[in-house]
Amino acid sequence: MTAITLNGRPHVVGGDTTVVDLVAETVGRPLGPDGAPLDGRRLGVAVAVDAAVVPRSRWGRTPVAEGQSVEIITAVQGG
């Protein structure tokens, strides 16, 4: 198990977890390895690992390591 910080809170993940796994868990929707939602709807999510933005095209290839800080930001419509 790997201890990280997810959106400012302690979180434990499996040793082979990638950014796409964390996003899928957070939004509660299945995602492909490229980060695209398998349901075909828009996702509206941005991810930063240790304050560096991770492009969606790299989510499936970006492992999450012990002690890292991951921020998953979801766009919300409305005012």
C-alpha atoms as a PDB file:
ATOM      1  CA  MET A   1       0.000   0.000   0.000  1.00  0.00           C
ATOM      2  CA  THR A   2       1.108   3.542  -0.785  1.00  0.00           C
ATOM      3  CA  ALA A   3       0.282   6.595   1.340  1.00  0.00           C
ATOM      4  CA  ILE A   4      -0.413   9.809  -0.600  1.00  0.00           C
ATOM      5  CA  THR A   5      -2.300  13.039  -0.135  1.00  0.00           C
ATOM      6  CA  LEU A   6      -5.403  13.300  -2.328  1.00  0.00           C
ATOM      7  CA  ASN A   7      -7.114  16.674  -2.460  1.00  0.00           C
ATOM      8  CA  GLY A   8      -5.505  17.672   0.822  1.00  0.00           C
ATOM      9  CA  ARG A   9      -6.403  14.513   2.739  1.00  0.00           C
ATOM     10  CA  PRO A  10      -4.436  11.359   3.547  1.00  0.00           C
ATOM     11  CA  HIS A  11      -5.261   8.519   1.166  1.00  0.00           C
ATOM     12  CA  VAL A  12      -3.932   4.989   0.697  1.00  0.00           C
ATOM     13  CA  VAL A  13      -3.689   3.337  -2.723  1.00  0.00           C
ATOM     14  CA  GLY A  14      -2.318   0.101  -4.141  1.00  0.00           C
ATOM     15  CA  GLY A  15       1.319  -0.012  -5.171  1.00  0.00           C
ATOM     16  CA  ASP A  16       0.546  -0.002  -8.893  1.00  0.00           C
ATOM     17  CA  THR A  17      -2.003   2.839  -8.903  1.00  0.00           C
ATOM     18  CA  THR A  18      -1.862   5.387 -11.702  1.00  0.00           C
ATOM     19  CA  VAL A  19      -3.431   8.825 -12.031  1.00  0.00           C
ATOM     20  CA  VAL A  20      -6.213   7.400 -14.209  1.00  0.00           C
ATOM     21  CA  ASP A  21      -7.098   4.958 -11.404  1.00  0.00           C
ATOM     22  CA  LEU A  22      -7.375   7.804  -8.896  1.00  0.00           C
ATOM     23  CA  VAL A  23      -9.505   9.920 -11.218  1.00  0.00           C
ATOM     24  CA  ALA A  24     -11.870   7.005 -11.921  1.00  0.00           C
ATOM     25  CA  GLU A  25     -12.193   6.360  -8.186  1.00  0.00           C
ATOM     26  CA  THR A  26     -12.804  10.042  -7.429  1.00  0.00           C
ATOM     27  CA  VAL A  27     -15.415  10.686 -10.126  1.00  0.00           C
ATOM     28  CA  GLY A  28     -17.030   7.247  -9.809  1.00  0.00           C
ATOM     29  CA  ARG A  29     -16.907   6.533 -13.537  1.00  0.00           C
ATOM     30  CA  PRO A  30     -14.902   4.002 -15.570  1.00  0.00           C
ATOM     31  CA  LEU A  31     -12.119   5.520 -17.654  1.00  0.00           C
ATOM     32  CA  GLY A  32      -9.965   4.126 -20.410  1.00  0.00           C
ATOM     33  CA  PRO A  33      -6.161   4.099 -20.119  1.00  0.00           C
ATOM     34  CA  ASP A  34      -6.092   7.411 -22.010  1.00  0.00           C
ATOM     35  CA  GLY A  35      -8.352   9.028 -19.388  1.00  0.00           C
ATOM     36  CA  ALA A  36     -11.386   9.175 -21.666  1.00  0.00           C
ATOM     37  CA  PRO A  37     -14.682   8.275 -19.979  1.00  0.00           C
ATOM     38  CA  LEU A  38     -15.993   4.945 -21.213  1.00  0.00           C
ATOM     39  CA  ASP A  39     -19.573   6.273 -21.072  1.00  0.00           C
ATOM     40  CA  GLY A  40     -18.745   8.866 -23.778  1.00  0.00           C
ATOM     41  CA  ARG A  41     -19.758  11.867 -21.648  1.00  0.00           C
ATOM     42  CA  ARG A  42     -17.483  14.785 -20.850  1.00  0.00           C
ATOM     43  CA  LEU A  43     -15.248  14.490 -17.823  1.00  0.00           C
ATOM     44  CA  GLY A  44     -14.268  18.069 -16.906  1.00  0.00           C
ATOM     45  CA  VAL A  45     -11.312  17.090 -14.710  1.00  0.00           C
ATOM     46  CA  ALA A  46      -7.759  18.379 -14.307  1.00  0.00           C
ATOM     47  CA  VAL A  47      -5.007  16.661 -12.300  1.00  0.00           C
ATOM     48  CA  ALA A  48      -1.804  17.905 -10.690  1.00  0.00           C
ATOM     49  CA  VAL A  49       0.798  15.698  -9.013  1.00  0.00           C
ATOM     50  CA  ASP A  50       3.148  17.575  -6.683  1.00  0.00           C
ATOM     51  CA  ALA A  51       1.833  20.850  -8.174  1.00  0.00           C
ATOM     52  CA  ALA A  52       2.659  19.828 -11.781  1.00  0.00           C
ATOM     53  CA  VAL A  53      -0.268  19.427 -14.177  1.00  0.00           C
ATOM     54  CA  VAL A  54      -0.484  15.955 -15.713  1.00  0.00           C
ATOM     55  CA  PRO A  55      -1.987  15.964 -19.229  1.00  0.00           C
ATOM     56  CA  ARG A  56      -4.844  13.516 -19.674  1.00  0.00           C
ATOM     57  CA  SER A  57      -2.848  11.674 -22.337  1.00  0.00           C
ATOM     58  CA  ARG A  58      -0.374  10.685 -19.575  1.00  0.00           C
ATOM     59  CA  TRP A  59      -2.795   9.712 -16.795  1.00  0.00           C
ATOM     60  CA  GLY A  60      -2.573   5.986 -17.533  1.00  0.00           C
ATOM     61  CA  ARG A  61       1.238   6.094 -17.653  1.00  0.00           C
ATOM     62  CA  THR A  62       1.745   8.228 -14.533  1.00  0.00           C
ATOM     63  CA  PRO A  63       2.203   6.112 -11.399  1.00  0.00           C
ATOM     64  CA  VAL A  64       1.399   7.496  -7.977  1.00  0.00           C
ATOM     65  CA  ALA A  65       4.329   7.198  -5.567  1.00  0.00           C
ATOM     66  CA  GLU A  66       4.621   7.209  -1.783  1.00  0.00           C
ATOM     67  CA  GLY A  67       4.268  10.691  -0.290  1.00  0.00           C
ATOM     68  CA  GLN A  68       3.035  12.426  -3.433  1.00  0.00           C
ATOM     69  CA  SER A  69       0.328  15.057  -3.349  1.00  0.00           C
ATOM     70  CA  VAL A  70      -2.405  14.651  -5.954  1.00  0.00           C
ATOM     71  CA  GLU A  71      -5.053  17.281  -6.653  1.00  0.00           C
ATOM     72  CA  ILE A  72      -8.051  16.306  -8.767  1.00  0.00           C
ATOM     73  CA  ILE A  73     -10.112  19.328  -9.782  1.00  0.00           C
ATOM     74  CA  THR A  74     -13.586  18.882 -11.216  1.00  0.00           C
ATOM     75  CA  ALA A  75     -15.294  21.603 -13.228  1.00  0.00           C
ATOM     76  CA  VAL A  76     -18.733  22.524 -11.910  1.00  0.00           C
ATOM     77  CA  GLN A  77     -21.276  24.355 -14.009  1.00  0.00           C
ATOM     78  CA  GLY A  78     -23.465  27.042 -12.521  1.00  0.00           C
ATOM     79  CA  GLY A  79     -23.122  30.227 -10.620  1.00  0.00           C
END
